[in-house]
Amino acid sequence: MPGLVSAAQIGILPNDNQESLTLVESIDGKLFHSSDTKAKPHKVMKMTLTAYSSTFDQTDEDPFTAASGKRVYDGMVAVNGLPFGTKIKIPALYGEKIFTVDDRMNARYGSNRMDIWMNAPRKSVDAFGVKRAVVEIYFPESPTKVAKADSI
């Protein structure tokens, strides 16, 4: 049985052989198919960017564990004011690379600054310096339940 969604709402129905259709709702209330890779960013803003690594002078007493509880990894960023799991792109510096918010910065930096985690020596991290760039923000998806119909 195919899952049914109001075609007026999203304009698509699943194939006959699909048992369900997964839709996600963005922060602004728009529904889209979870495999839509061409989704537009929810927000675009200019931010101050810095970098950090897992050293005691740049982190807390556990430099390899992020504020989300996850172990540090390439593509992790620290940002205040955005939910964990938020995806970030910085096209001018990193093209299509996707970063994920899984750490926080000291509160004194506010929410208009982002720290990019690097698996690099302190000298390389310092060489990154302070940059300003436009970032694309993609809020975490929240699954939306879809009713199923026995017949159309």
Protein backbone atom coordinates (compact mmCIF):
# COMPACT_ATOMS: atom_id res chain seq x y z
CA MET A 1 0.00 0.00 0.00
CA PRO A 2 1.43 3.37 -0.91
CA GLY A 3 1.52 6.15 1.65
CA LEU A 4 -0.61 9.14 0.71
CA VAL A 5 0.32 12.76 1.13
CA SER A 6 -1.69 15.73 0.04
CA ALA A 7 -0.40 16.39 -3.47
CA ALA A 8 -1.32 20.03 -3.11
CA GLN A 9 1.02 20.29 -0.15
CA ILE A 10 4.15 18.77 -1.62
CA GLY A 11 3.35 17.80 -5.18
CA ILE A 12 4.59 14.18 -5.04
CA LEU A 13 3.23 10.74 -4.25
CA PRO A 14 5.38 7.68 -3.55
CA ASN A 15 5.80 4.95 -6.15
CA ASP A 16 3.34 2.08 -5.95
CA ASN A 17 6.05 -0.21 -4.59
CA GLN A 18 6.92 2.13 -1.70
CA GLU A 19 5.43 1.28 1.67
CA SER A 20 6.02 4.72 3.12
CA LEU A 21 7.26 8.16 2.27
CA THR A 22 9.57 10.03 4.61
CA LEU A 23 9.04 13.75 4.70
CA VAL A 24 10.78 16.30 6.82
CA GLU A 25 9.61 19.65 8.02
CA SER A 26 12.04 22.52 8.11
CA ILE A 27 12.06 25.16 10.85
CA ASP A 28 9.97 27.45 8.61
CA GLY A 29 7.26 24.77 8.32
CA LYS A 30 7.96 23.66 4.73
CA LEU A 31 7.72 19.95 3.93
CA PHE A 32 10.18 18.26 1.62
CA HIS A 33 11.34 14.73 0.81
CA SER A 34 14.31 13.73 2.96
CA SER A 35 16.38 12.77 -0.09
CA ASP A 36 16.09 16.27 -1.58
CA THR A 37 19.74 17.30 -1.81
CA LYS A 38 18.92 20.58 -3.51
CA ALA A 39 17.17 22.02 -0.48
CA LYS A 40 17.89 25.70 -0.01
CA PRO A 41 19.54 26.80 3.23
CA HIS A 42 17.18 27.82 6.00
CA LYS A 43 19.38 30.78 6.78
CA VAL A 44 22.40 32.52 5.23
CA MET A 45 24.53 34.84 7.30
CA LYS A 46 27.99 36.33 7.56
CA MET A 47 29.95 34.96 10.50
CA THR A 48 33.37 35.30 12.07
CA LEU A 49 35.30 32.04 11.71
CA THR A 50 38.18 30.76 13.80
CA ALA A 51 39.71 27.32 14.30
CA TYR A 52 40.65 25.15 17.27
CA SER A 53 42.18 21.77 17.99
CA SER A 54 42.09 19.31 20.87
CA THR A 55 44.56 20.98 23.21
CA PHE A 56 43.90 21.84 26.86
CA ASP A 57 44.50 25.54 26.28
CA GLN A 58 41.72 25.64 23.64
CA THR A 59 39.18 23.31 25.23
CA ASP A 60 38.22 21.97 28.65
CA GLU A 61 39.60 19.05 30.67
CA ASP A 62 38.40 16.52 28.05
CA PRO A 63 39.70 17.93 24.73
CA PHE A 64 38.50 15.00 22.60
CA THR A 65 34.83 15.11 23.65
CA ALA A 66 32.55 17.79 22.20
CA ALA A 67 29.72 19.47 24.12
CA SER A 68 27.25 17.13 22.38
CA GLY A 69 29.07 14.16 23.92
CA LYS A 70 30.49 13.01 20.59
CA ARG A 71 34.17 12.48 19.95
CA VAL A 72 35.76 15.23 17.83
CA TYR A 73 35.86 14.62 14.07
CA ASP A 74 36.71 16.32 10.79
CA GLY A 75 33.78 18.55 9.86
CA MET A 76 32.75 19.41 13.42
CA VAL A 77 32.14 23.03 14.37
CA ALA A 78 31.45 24.83 17.63
CA VAL A 79 28.66 27.42 17.49
CA ASN A 80 26.47 28.96 20.19
CA GLY A 81 22.79 29.48 19.43
CA LEU A 82 22.32 26.69 16.86
CA PRO A 83 21.00 23.22 17.75
CA PHE A 84 23.35 20.25 17.73
CA GLY A 85 23.07 18.50 14.39
CA THR A 86 22.66 21.70 12.40
CA LYS A 87 24.48 21.40 9.07
CA ILE A 88 26.68 24.24 7.84
CA LYS A 89 28.31 25.02 4.49
CA ILE A 90 31.00 27.67 3.99
CA PRO A 91 31.13 27.83 0.17
CA ALA A 92 33.78 30.54 -0.17
CA LEU A 93 36.29 28.57 1.93
CA TYR A 94 35.27 24.91 1.67
CA GLY A 95 32.95 24.57 -1.35
CA GLU A 96 30.29 21.90 -0.78
CA LYS A 97 31.88 20.42 2.37
CA ILE A 98 29.26 19.95 5.08
CA PHE A 99 30.08 20.76 8.69
CA THR A 100 27.94 19.77 11.68
CA VAL A 101 27.36 21.69 14.91
CA ASP A 102 28.39 19.37 17.76
CA ASP A 103 30.31 21.70 20.06
CA ARG A 104 29.93 25.04 21.82
CA MET A 105 32.18 28.04 22.27
CA ASN A 106 32.75 30.11 25.38
CA ALA A 107 29.61 32.20 25.97
CA ARG A 108 31.61 35.44 25.63
CA TYR A 109 31.76 34.84 21.84
CA GLY A 110 27.98 35.05 21.38
CA SER A 111 26.20 33.39 18.47
CA ASN A 112 27.75 35.12 15.45
CA ARG A 113 31.05 33.24 15.63
CA MET A 114 31.99 29.73 14.57
CA ASP A 115 35.00 27.65 15.56
CA ILE A 116 36.08 24.92 13.11
CA TRP A 117 37.71 21.88 14.74
CA MET A 118 40.97 20.81 13.07
CA ASN A 119 43.05 17.71 13.54
CA ALA A 120 46.23 19.73 13.18
CA PRO A 121 49.13 21.10 15.19
CA ARG A 122 48.59 24.35 17.04
CA LYS A 123 50.74 26.20 14.48
CA SER A 124 48.33 25.25 11.65
CA VAL A 125 45.30 26.18 13.71
CA ASP A 126 46.83 29.59 14.50
CA ALA A 127 47.63 30.08 10.81
CA PHE A 128 43.89 29.84 10.02
CA GLY A 129 43.49 33.14 11.86
CA VAL A 130 40.19 35.00 11.95
CA LYS A 131 38.07 35.07 8.80
CA ARG A 132 34.67 36.46 7.87
CA ALA A 133 32.57 34.43 5.47
CA VAL A 134 29.00 33.79 4.43
CA VAL A 135 27.70 30.51 5.85
CA GLU A 136 24.67 28.48 4.82
CA ILE A 137 22.69 27.02 7.71
CA TYR A 138 20.53 23.90 7.39
CA PHE A 139 18.59 23.18 10.58
CA PRO A 140 18.15 19.56 11.70
CA GLU A 141 15.29 17.74 10.03
CA SER A 142 12.31 16.80 12.15
CA PRO A 143 10.38 13.81 10.77
CA THR A 144 6.73 14.44 9.95
CA LYS A 145 4.23 11.61 10.29
CA VAL A 146 2.29 10.82 7.15
CA ALA A 147 -1.09 9.07 7.13
CA LYS A 148 -1.48 6.00 4.97
CA ALA A 149 -4.50 5.36 2.77
CA ASP A 150 -5.87 1.95 1.86
CA SER A 151 -7.06 3.19 -1.51
CA ILE A 152 -6.91 6.32 -3.58
